[in-house]
Amino acid sequence: MATREMADFLRSRRDRIGPSSVGLPGGGRRRAPGLRRAEVALLAGISPDYYMRLEQGRGIRPSPSVLDGLARALVLNDDERDHLYRLALSLPSPPSAAADAPVADAPVHPNVRRLLDEIAPVPAYVINPRLDVLAWNGTAAALMPHMAEQPAPRRNMLRYALRDPRARTFYVEWEEVARHGIAQLRTATGRDPDDPATRALVRELSGDPWFRTWWERQDVKGPGMGRKEYRHPVVGRLSLDYIGMVLPGTPDHQFVTLTAPEEGPSAPALKKLAALARS
């Protein structure tokens, strides 16, 4: 059934799209810069009253065709479209994805742990949707020494970014890292809104003003790739390219690797880090 979470998500997306970006005239007096409800309904091919009831969270179960229309009207990316489906239909994944996904707390497969060790010169780790570090190799532990100080059950990427003051120096682009992590946690709540550990983490982090501000934006993110900049306390500045890959058989687990171009300025520092992990 349509939920309050879905209603909030729809409003947040509507508020960010100007009429000119979807081919509508932008004239007339507007109380907010985003689209009007009637404009979203027109673009999605549904009645304004039906869309209003969706935004009010009034227990409507929209069909896949309606959700597709909303995704087009609101110009949702793949992560946002998947999130909309999960909120609306209470599915673990959109209809095109595999069903019966294992829970986030499933154990890391022994083959995956062995792979972590085999590629140990490359920092690599496994996280679940709420960004708990489930397993990592020695180089990843050496890369993130402040998190390595924590007991294993407390190792969470977002908790570290927001609750450990050293993270703001460690991450060169701290705000981007924190916002991305919050968007991933928002995605986790859509996948399993009743998971007690995820709900507990949201409650814990809600005491942080940055978290509250960015949480209300309703941004969502899935696995991807990009670059992170670090100020490591031992080897200095690192610019590493990361890739997050969903593991086959355990789609709630993400395998993340961090590498540096062989001829790039970060390659020597990464080699020092791997040597540090072996010592």
C-alpha atoms as a PDB file:
ATOM      1  CA  MET A   1       0.000   0.000   0.000  1.00  0.00           C
ATOM      2  CA  ALA A   2       1.091   3.568  -0.575  1.00  0.00           C
ATOM      3  CA  THR A   3       2.819   4.809   2.562  1.00  0.00           C
ATOM      4  CA  ARG A   4       3.789   8.042   4.252  1.00  0.00           C
ATOM      5  CA  GLU A   5       7.368   7.321   3.180  1.00  0.00           C
ATOM      6  CA  MET A   6       6.262   7.126  -0.442  1.00  0.00           C
ATOM      7  CA  ALA A   7       4.295  10.357  -0.096  1.00  0.00           C
ATOM      8  CA  ASP A   8       7.324  12.159   1.318  1.00  0.00           C
ATOM      9  CA  PHE A   9       9.521  10.773  -1.446  1.00  0.00           C
ATOM     10  CA  LEU A  10       7.148  11.905  -4.200  1.00  0.00           C
ATOM     11  CA  ARG A  11       6.962  15.413  -2.768  1.00  0.00           C
ATOM     12  CA  SER A  12      10.721  15.645  -2.458  1.00  0.00           C
ATOM     13  CA  ARG A  13      11.200  14.696  -6.126  1.00  0.00           C
ATOM     14  CA  ARG A  14       8.409  17.004  -7.322  1.00  0.00           C
ATOM     15  CA  ASP A  15       9.906  19.972  -5.494  1.00  0.00           C
ATOM     16  CA  ARG A  16      13.198  19.593  -7.364  1.00  0.00           C
ATOM     17  CA  ILE A  17      11.939  19.632 -10.937  1.00  0.00           C
ATOM     18  CA  GLY A  18      11.208  22.928 -12.662  1.00  0.00           C
ATOM     19  CA  PRO A  19       8.486  22.990 -15.332  1.00  0.00           C
ATOM     20  CA  SER A  20      10.889  24.013 -18.082  1.00  0.00           C
ATOM     21  CA  SER A  21      12.995  20.880 -17.507  1.00  0.00           C
ATOM     22  CA  VAL A  22      10.040  18.675 -18.527  1.00  0.00           C
ATOM     23  CA  GLY A  23       8.757  20.837 -21.378  1.00  0.00           C
ATOM     24  CA  LEU A  24       6.056  22.742 -19.483  1.00  0.00           C
ATOM     25  CA  PRO A  25       5.626  26.535 -19.476  1.00  0.00           C
ATOM     26  CA  GLY A  26       7.129  28.123 -16.401  1.00  0.00           C
ATOM     27  CA  GLY A  27       4.924  31.204 -16.225  1.00  0.00           C
ATOM     28  CA  GLY A  28       2.443  32.074 -13.528  1.00  0.00           C
ATOM     29  CA  ARG A  29       2.819  32.593  -9.831  1.00  0.00           C
ATOM     30  CA  ARG A  30       4.253  29.601  -7.972  1.00  0.00           C
ATOM     31  CA  ARG A  31       4.595  29.154  -4.237  1.00  0.00           C
ATOM     32  CA  ALA A  32       7.471  26.702  -4.786  1.00  0.00           C
ATOM     33  CA  PRO A  33       9.981  26.251  -7.624  1.00  0.00           C
ATOM     34  CA  GLY A  34       8.991  22.656  -8.378  1.00  0.00           C
ATOM     35  CA  LEU A  35       6.150  21.131 -10.343  1.00  0.00           C
ATOM     36  CA  ARG A  36       2.547  21.419  -9.267  1.00  0.00           C
ATOM     37  CA  ARG A  37       0.653  18.248  -8.412  1.00  0.00           C
ATOM     38  CA  ALA A  38      -1.580  18.669 -11.451  1.00  0.00           C
ATOM     39  CA  GLU A  39       1.487  18.916 -13.691  1.00  0.00           C
ATOM     40  CA  VAL A  40       2.927  15.670 -12.335  1.00  0.00           C
ATOM     41  CA  ALA A  41      -0.438  13.985 -12.851  1.00  0.00           C
ATOM     42  CA  LEU A  42      -0.598  15.250 -16.437  1.00  0.00           C
ATOM     43  CA  LEU A  43       2.903  13.992 -17.215  1.00  0.00           C
ATOM     44  CA  ALA A  44       2.257  10.640 -15.531  1.00  0.00           C
ATOM     45  CA  GLY A  45      -1.087  10.081 -17.259  1.00  0.00           C
ATOM     46  CA  ILE A  46      -3.186   9.909 -14.092  1.00  0.00           C
ATOM     47  CA  SER A  47      -5.866  12.126 -12.590  1.00  0.00           C
ATOM     48  CA  PRO A  48      -4.867  15.018 -10.307  1.00  0.00           C
ATOM     49  CA  ASP A  49      -7.101  13.605  -7.555  1.00  0.00           C
ATOM     50  CA  TYR A  50      -5.387  10.206  -7.744  1.00  0.00           C
ATOM     51  CA  TYR A  51      -1.955  11.798  -7.534  1.00  0.00           C
ATOM     52  CA  MET A  52      -3.045  13.992  -4.617  1.00  0.00           C
ATOM     53  CA  ARG A  53      -4.127  10.899  -2.708  1.00  0.00           C
ATOM     54  CA  LEU A  54      -0.733   9.299  -3.404  1.00  0.00           C
ATOM     55  CA  GLU A  55       1.056  12.315  -1.939  1.00  0.00           C
ATOM     56  CA  GLN A  56      -1.221  12.170   1.058  1.00  0.00           C
ATOM     57  CA  GLY A  57      -0.316   8.536   1.706  1.00  0.00           C
ATOM     58  CA  ARG A  58      -3.950   7.453   1.697  1.00  0.00           C
ATOM     59  CA  GLY A  59      -3.462   3.716   1.295  1.00  0.00           C
ATOM     60  CA  ILE A  60      -3.523   3.473  -2.496  1.00  0.00           C
ATOM     61  CA  ARG A  61      -1.652   0.636  -4.151  1.00  0.00           C
ATOM     62  CA  PRO A  62      -0.497   2.037  -7.513  1.00  0.00           C
ATOM     63  CA  SER A  63      -0.017  -0.326 -10.428  1.00  0.00           C
ATOM     64  CA  PRO A  64       3.379  -0.818 -12.091  1.00  0.00           C
ATOM     65  CA  SER A  65       2.183   1.253 -15.066  1.00  0.00           C
ATOM     66  CA  VAL A  66       1.314   4.150 -12.752  1.00  0.00           C
ATOM     67  CA  LEU A  67       4.707   3.887 -11.078  1.00  0.00           C
ATOM     68  CA  ASP A  68       6.413   3.890 -14.464  1.00  0.00           C
ATOM     69  CA  GLY A  69       4.478   7.025 -15.379  1.00  0.00           C
ATOM     70  CA  LEU A  70       5.507   8.712 -12.125  1.00  0.00           C
ATOM     71  CA  ALA A  71       9.136   7.744 -12.675  1.00  0.00           C
ATOM     72  CA  ARG A  72       9.063   9.358 -16.133  1.00  0.00           C
ATOM     73  CA  ALA A  73       7.216  12.449 -14.929  1.00  0.00           C
ATOM     74  CA  LEU A  74       9.607  13.021 -12.039  1.00  0.00           C
ATOM     75  CA  VAL A  75      12.696  12.144 -14.113  1.00  0.00           C
ATOM     76  CA  LEU A  76      13.826   9.520 -11.612  1.00  0.00           C
ATOM     77  CA  ASN A  77      17.157   7.798 -12.049  1.00  0.00           C
ATOM     78  CA  ASP A  78      17.470   4.020 -11.671  1.00  0.00           C
ATOM     79  CA  ASP A  79      18.121   4.143  -7.921  1.00  0.00           C
ATOM     80  CA  GLU A  80      15.160   6.458  -7.354  1.00  0.00           C
ATOM     81  CA  ARG A  81      12.854   4.357  -9.533  1.00  0.00           C
ATOM     82  CA  ASP A  82      13.800   1.185  -7.630  1.00  0.00           C
ATOM     83  CA  HIS A  83      13.180   3.002  -4.346  1.00  0.00           C
ATOM     84  CA  LEU A  84       9.756   4.175  -5.514  1.00  0.00           C
ATOM     85  CA  TYR A  85       8.780   0.600  -6.425  1.00  0.00           C
ATOM     86  CA  ARG A  86       9.876  -0.720  -3.056  1.00  0.00           C
ATOM     87  CA  LEU A  87       7.983   1.950  -1.135  1.00  0.00           C
ATOM     88  CA  ALA A  88       4.835   1.540  -3.201  1.00  0.00           C
ATOM     89  CA  LEU A  89       4.661  -2.208  -3.584  1.00  0.00           C
ATOM     90  CA  SER A  90       6.574  -3.310  -0.482  1.00  0.00           C
ATOM     91  CA  LEU A  91       8.830  -5.491  -2.625  1.00  0.00           C
ATOM     92  CA  PRO A  92      12.470  -6.308  -1.779  1.00  0.00           C
ATOM     93  CA  SER A  93      13.351  -5.203  -5.301  1.00  0.00           C
ATOM     94  CA  PRO A  94      11.630  -3.909  -8.440  1.00  0.00           C
ATOM     95  CA  PRO A  95       9.833  -6.500 -10.598  1.00  0.00           C
ATOM     96  CA  SER A  96      12.781  -6.880 -12.973  1.00  0.00           C
ATOM     97  CA  ALA A  97      15.209  -7.890 -10.225  1.00  0.00           C
ATOM     98  CA  ALA A  98      15.703 -11.218  -8.484  1.00  0.00           C
ATOM     99  CA  ALA A  99      13.203 -12.064  -5.775  1.00  0.00           C
ATOM    100  CA  ASP A 100      13.757 -13.689  -2.414  1.00  0.00           C
ATOM    101  CA  ALA A 101      16.903 -11.700  -1.638  1.00  0.00           C
ATOM    102  CA  PRO A 102      18.747 -12.795   1.500  1.00  0.00           C
ATOM    103  CA  VAL A 103      18.542 -10.519   4.507  1.00  0.00           C
ATOM    104  CA  ALA A 104      21.199  -7.879   5.128  1.00  0.00           C
ATOM    105  CA  ASP A 105      22.660  -9.830   8.031  1.00  0.00           C
ATOM    106  CA  ALA A 106      23.429 -12.957   6.021  1.00  0.00           C
ATOM    107  CA  PRO A 107      27.000 -14.170   6.683  1.00  0.00           C
ATOM    108  CA  VAL A 108      29.764 -13.370   4.214  1.00  0.00           C
ATOM    109  CA  HIS A 109      30.425 -16.431   2.082  1.00  0.00           C
ATOM    110  CA  PRO A 110      33.808 -18.153   2.712  1.00  0.00           C
ATOM    111  CA  ASN A 111      34.684 -17.766  -0.980  1.00  0.00           C
ATOM    112  CA  VAL A 112      34.245 -14.012  -0.660  1.00  0.00           C
ATOM    113  CA  ARG A 113      36.435 -13.903   2.441  1.00  0.00           C
ATOM    114  CA  ARG A 114      39.104 -15.824   0.561  1.00  0.00           C
ATOM    115  CA  LEU A 115      38.886 -13.375  -2.336  1.00  0.00           C
ATOM    116  CA  LEU A 116      39.387 -10.483   0.087  1.00  0.00           C
ATOM    117  CA  ASP A 117      42.607 -12.098   1.286  1.00  0.00           C
ATOM    118  CA  GLU A 118      43.808 -12.986  -2.217  1.00  0.00           C
ATOM    119  CA  ILE A 119      43.584  -9.401  -3.457  1.00  0.00           C
ATOM    120  CA  ALA A 120      45.012  -7.999  -0.219  1.00  0.00           C
ATOM    121  CA  PRO A 121      47.325  -5.426  -1.881  1.00  0.00           C
ATOM    122  CA  VAL A 122      44.040  -3.833  -3.004  1.00  0.00           C
ATOM    123  CA  PRO A 123      41.867  -2.438  -0.190  1.00  0.00           C
ATOM    124  CA  ALA A 124      38.542  -4.274  -0.307  1.00  0.00           C
ATOM    125  CA  TYR A 125      35.609  -4.796   2.015  1.00  0.00           C
ATOM    126  CA  VAL A 126      32.037  -6.080   2.144  1.00  0.00           C
ATOM    127  CA  ILE A 127      29.162  -3.955   3.426  1.00  0.00           C
ATOM    128  CA  ASN A 128      25.447  -4.483   3.835  1.00  0.00           C
ATOM    129  CA  PRO A 129      22.756  -1.954   2.828  1.00  0.00           C
ATOM    130  CA  ARG A 130      23.043  -0.011   6.095  1.00  0.00           C
ATOM    131  CA  LEU A 131      26.829   0.251   5.549  1.00  0.00           C
ATOM    132  CA  ASP A 132      27.989  -2.121   8.279  1.00  0.00           C
ATOM    133  CA  VAL A 133      31.458  -3.447   7.434  1.00  0.00           C
ATOM    134  CA  LEU A 134      30.899  -7.210   7.390  1.00  0.00           C
ATOM    135  CA  ALA A 135      34.409  -8.214   6.291  1.00  0.00           C
ATOM    136  CA  TRP A 136      37.569  -6.564   4.985  1.00  0.00           C
ATOM    137  CA  ASN A 137      41.171  -7.344   4.196  1.00  0.00           C
ATOM    138  CA  GLY A 138      44.238  -6.046   5.967  1.00  0.00           C
ATOM    139  CA  THR A 139      44.850  -3.254   3.463  1.00  0.00           C
ATOM    140  CA  ALA A 140      41.322  -1.907   3.937  1.00  0.00           C
ATOM    141  CA  ALA A 141      41.810  -2.008   7.707  1.00  0.00           C
ATOM    142  CA  ALA A 142      45.091  -0.107   7.292  1.00  0.00           C
ATOM    143  CA  LEU A 143      43.366   2.430   5.054  1.00  0.00           C
ATOM    144  CA  MET A 144      40.712   3.113   7.705  1.00  0.00           C
ATOM    145  CA  PRO A 145      42.645   2.922  10.997  1.00  0.00           C
ATOM    146  CA  HIS A 146      40.101   4.877  13.028  1.00  0.00           C
ATOM    147  CA  MET A 147      37.350   2.434  12.117  1.00  0.00           C
ATOM    148  CA  ALA A 148      39.689  -0.497  12.753  1.00  0.00           C
ATOM    149  CA  GLU A 149      39.874   0.695  16.366  1.00  0.00           C
ATOM    150  CA  GLN A 150      36.173  -0.058  16.787  1.00  0.00           C
ATOM    151  CA  PRO A 151      34.852  -3.505  17.719  1.00  0.00           C
ATOM    152  CA  ALA A 152      33.549  -5.328  14.653  1.00  0.00           C
ATOM    153  CA  PRO A 153      29.818  -4.865  15.483  1.00  0.00           C
ATOM    154  CA  ARG A 154      30.319  -1.068  15.606  1.00  0.00           C
ATOM    155  CA  ARG A 155      32.117  -0.747  12.257  1.00  0.00           C
ATOM    156  CA  ASN A 156      29.699   1.220  10.138  1.00  0.00           C
ATOM    157  CA  MET A 157      30.805   3.583   7.371  1.00  0.00           C
ATOM    158  CA  LEU A 158      28.145   6.203   8.061  1.00  0.00           C
ATOM    159  CA  ARG A 159      28.470   6.059  11.835  1.00  0.00           C
ATOM    160  CA  TYR A 160      32.190   6.746  11.429  1.00  0.00           C
ATOM    161  CA  ALA A 161      31.626   9.612   8.988  1.00  0.00           C
ATOM    162  CA  LEU A 162      29.139  11.374  11.260  1.00  0.00           C
ATOM    163  CA  ARG A 163      30.133  10.424  14.807  1.00  0.00           C
ATOM    164  CA  ASP A 164      33.938  10.366  14.712  1.00  0.00           C
ATOM    165  CA  PRO A 165      35.323  13.928  14.439  1.00  0.00           C
ATOM    166  CA  ARG A 166      38.490  12.589  12.809  1.00  0.00           C
ATOM    167  CA  ALA A 167      36.440  11.615   9.750  1.00  0.00           C
ATOM    168  CA  ARG A 168      36.137  15.265   8.682  1.00  0.00           C
ATOM    169  CA  THR A 169      39.889  15.412   8.251  1.00  0.00           C
ATOM    170  CA  PHE A 170      40.286  11.883   6.938  1.00  0.00           C
ATOM    171  CA  TYR A 171      37.836  12.395   4.065  1.00  0.00           C
ATOM    172  CA  VAL A 172      38.925  15.276   1.866  1.00  0.00           C
ATOM    173  CA  GLU A 173      35.346  15.658   0.608  1.00  0.00           C
ATOM    174  CA  TRP A 174      33.655  14.797   3.889  1.00  0.00           C
ATOM    175  CA  GLU A 175      30.268  16.303   3.030  1.00  0.00           C
ATOM    176  CA  GLU A 176      29.979  14.321  -0.197  1.00  0.00           C
ATOM    177  CA  VAL A 177      30.918  11.083   1.594  1.00  0.00           C
ATOM    178  CA  ALA A 178      28.397  11.711   4.384  1.00  0.00           C
ATOM    179  CA  ARG A 179      25.571  12.644   2.012  1.00  0.00           C
ATOM    180  CA  HIS A 180      26.233   9.612  -0.176  1.00  0.00           C
ATOM    181  CA  GLY A 181      26.175   7.356   2.875  1.00  0.00           C
ATOM    182  CA  ILE A 182      22.900   8.844   4.083  1.00  0.00           C
ATOM    183  CA  ALA A 183      21.381   8.264   0.635  1.00  0.00           C
ATOM    184  CA  GLN A 184      22.482   4.618   0.790  1.00  0.00           C
ATOM    185  CA  LEU A 185      20.935   4.251   4.236  1.00  0.00           C
ATOM    186  CA  ARG A 186      17.708   5.773   2.913  1.00  0.00           C
ATOM    187  CA  THR A 187      17.756   3.108   0.189  1.00  0.00           C
ATOM    188  CA  ALA A 188      18.170   0.441   2.895  1.00  0.00           C
ATOM    189  CA  THR A 189      15.040   1.644   4.687  1.00  0.00           C
ATOM    190  CA  GLY A 190      13.112   1.245   1.453  1.00  0.00           C
ATOM    191  CA  ARG A 191      14.359  -2.320   0.996  1.00  0.00           C
ATOM    192  CA  ASP A 192      13.424  -3.398   4.510  1.00  0.00           C
ATOM    193  CA  PRO A 193      11.611  -0.643   6.445  1.00  0.00           C
ATOM    194  CA  ASP A 194      10.995  -2.866   9.475  1.00  0.00           C
ATOM    195  CA  ASP A 195      14.580  -4.067   9.963  1.00  0.00           C
ATOM    196  CA  PRO A 196      15.310  -3.327  13.651  1.00  0.00           C
ATOM    197  CA  ALA A 197      19.050  -2.763  13.177  1.00  0.00           C
ATOM    198  CA  THR A 198      18.485  -0.250  10.386  1.00  0.00           C
ATOM    199  CA  ARG A 199      15.818   1.573  12.389  1.00  0.00           C
ATOM    200  CA  ALA A 200      18.150   1.662  15.409  1.00  0.00           C
ATOM    201  CA  LEU A 201      20.944   3.172  13.320  1.00  0.00           C
ATOM    202  CA  VAL A 202      18.608   5.868  11.972  1.00  0.00           C
ATOM    203  CA  ARG A 203      17.528   6.716  15.527  1.00  0.00           C
ATOM    204  CA  GLU A 204      21.145   6.839  16.683  1.00  0.00           C
ATOM    205  CA  LEU A 205      22.259   9.138  13.883  1.00  0.00           C
ATOM    206  CA  SER A 206      19.190  11.384  14.107  1.00  0.00           C
ATOM    207  CA  GLY A 207      20.893  13.253  16.925  1.00  0.00           C
ATOM    208  CA  ASP A 208      23.327  14.693  14.376  1.00  0.00           C
ATOM    209  CA  PRO A 209      22.065  17.933  12.728  1.00  0.00           C
ATOM    210  CA  TRP A 210      23.824  17.148   9.450  1.00  0.00           C
ATOM    211  CA  PHE A 211      22.128  13.782   9.334  1.00  0.00           C
ATOM    212  CA  ARG A 212      18.686  15.273   9.981  1.00  0.00           C
ATOM    213  CA  THR A 213      19.142  17.879   7.251  1.00  0.00           C
ATOM    214  CA  TRP A 214      20.343  15.456   4.582  1.00  0.00           C
ATOM    215  CA  TRP A 215      17.961  12.669   5.630  1.00  0.00           C
ATOM    216  CA  GLU A 216      15.006  14.934   4.909  1.00  0.00           C
ATOM    217  CA  ARG A 217      16.194  15.358   1.308  1.00  0.00           C
ATOM    218  CA  GLN A 218      15.029  11.803   0.584  1.00  0.00           C
ATOM    219  CA  ASP A 219      18.028  11.107  -1.687  1.00  0.00           C
ATOM    220  CA  VAL A 220      18.716   7.451  -2.513  1.00  0.00           C
ATOM    221  CA  LYS A 221      21.825   5.723  -3.854  1.00  0.00           C
ATOM    222  CA  GLY A 222      22.743   2.189  -4.800  1.00  0.00           C
ATOM    223  CA  PRO A 223      26.087   0.545  -5.591  1.00  0.00           C
ATOM    224  CA  GLY A 224      28.236   2.487  -8.010  1.00  0.00           C
ATOM    225  CA  MET A 225      31.701   3.733  -8.752  1.00  0.00           C
ATOM    226  CA  GLY A 226      33.601   6.939  -8.244  1.00  0.00           C
ATOM    227  CA  ARG A 227      36.591   8.437  -6.496  1.00  0.00           C
ATOM    228  CA  LYS A 228      37.370   9.143  -2.859  1.00  0.00           C
ATOM    229  CA  GLU A 229      40.090  11.390  -1.498  1.00  0.00           C
ATOM    230  CA  TYR A 230      41.741  10.543   1.817  1.00  0.00           C
ATOM    231  CA  ARG A 231      44.214  12.207   4.192  1.00  0.00           C
ATOM    232  CA  HIS A 232      45.795   9.143   5.736  1.00  0.00           C
ATOM    233  CA  PRO A 233      47.633   9.694   9.040  1.00  0.00           C
ATOM    234  CA  VAL A 234      50.636   7.577   7.920  1.00  0.00           C
ATOM    235  CA  VAL A 235      50.941   7.485   4.109  1.00  0.00           C
ATOM    236  CA  GLY A 236      49.470  10.910   3.381  1.00  0.00           C
ATOM    237  CA  ARG A 237      47.102  11.943   0.610  1.00  0.00           C
ATOM    238  CA  LEU A 238      45.346   9.203  -1.380  1.00  0.00           C
ATOM    239  CA  SER A 239      43.030   9.484  -4.352  1.00  0.00           C
ATOM    240  CA  LEU A 240      41.422   6.089  -4.928  1.00  0.00           C
ATOM    241  CA  ASP A 241      38.860   4.871  -7.434  1.00  0.00           C
ATOM    242  CA  TYR A 242      36.160   2.710  -5.884  1.00  0.00           C
ATOM    243  CA  ILE A 243      33.787   0.184  -7.408  1.00  0.00           C
ATOM    244  CA  GLY A 244      30.843  -1.256  -5.490  1.00  0.00           C
ATOM    245  CA  MET A 245      29.586  -4.571  -6.845  1.00  0.00           C
ATOM    246  CA  VAL A 246      26.530  -6.538  -5.744  1.00  0.00           C
ATOM    247  CA  LEU A 247      27.570 -10.087  -4.908  1.00  0.00           C
ATOM    248  CA  PRO A 248      25.848 -12.935  -6.761  1.00  0.00           C
ATOM    249  CA  GLY A 249      23.737 -15.035  -4.446  1.00  0.00           C
ATOM    250  CA  THR A 250      23.809 -12.337  -1.764  1.00  0.00           C
ATOM    251  CA  PRO A 251      22.450  -9.181  -3.406  1.00  0.00           C
ATOM    252  CA  ASP A 252      22.232  -7.370  -0.077  1.00  0.00           C
ATOM    253  CA  HIS A 253      26.025  -7.532   0.191  1.00  0.00           C
ATOM    254  CA  GLN A 254      28.212  -5.097  -1.694  1.00  0.00           C
ATOM    255  CA  PHE A 255      31.856  -5.869  -2.503  1.00  0.00           C
ATOM    256  CA  VAL A 256      33.897  -2.660  -2.660  1.00  0.00           C
ATOM    257  CA  THR A 257      37.428  -2.291  -4.040  1.00  0.00           C
ATOM    258  CA  LEU A 258      39.686   0.769  -4.052  1.00  0.00           C
ATOM    259  CA  THR A 259      42.499   1.146  -6.567  1.00  0.00           C
ATOM    260  CA  ALA A 260      44.916   3.753  -7.875  1.00  0.00           C
ATOM    261  CA  PRO A 261      46.251   4.071 -11.457  1.00  0.00           C
ATOM    262  CA  GLU A 262      49.686   2.443 -11.638  1.00  0.00           C
ATOM    263  CA  GLU A 263      51.368   5.624 -12.837  1.00  0.00           C
ATOM    264  CA  GLY A 264      49.247   7.954 -10.713  1.00  0.00           C
ATOM    265  CA  PRO A 265      50.493   9.950  -7.715  1.00  0.00           C
ATOM    266  CA  SER A 266      48.596   7.751  -5.235  1.00  0.00           C
ATOM    267  CA  ALA A 267      50.138   4.456  -6.383  1.00  0.00           C
ATOM    268  CA  PRO A 268      53.281   4.724  -4.179  1.00  0.00           C
ATOM    269  CA  ALA A 269      51.204   5.622  -1.131  1.00  0.00           C
ATOM    270  CA  LEU A 270      48.884   2.681  -1.764  1.00  0.00           C
ATOM    271  CA  LYS A 271      51.866   0.335  -1.991  1.00  0.00           C
ATOM    272  CA  LYS A 272      53.135   1.691   1.336  1.00  0.00           C
ATOM    273  CA  LEU A 273      49.710   1.049   2.793  1.00  0.00           C
ATOM    274  CA  ALA A 274      49.740  -2.567   1.598  1.00  0.00           C
ATOM    275  CA  ALA A 275      53.228  -3.017   3.078  1.00  0.00           C
ATOM    276  CA  LEU A 276      51.973  -1.534   6.342  1.00  0.00           C
ATOM    277  CA  ALA A 277      49.128  -4.048   6.392  1.00  0.00           C
ATOM    278  CA  ARG A 278      51.581  -6.952   5.912  1.00  0.00           C
ATOM    279  CA  SER A 279      53.899  -5.824   8.717  1.00  0.00           C
END
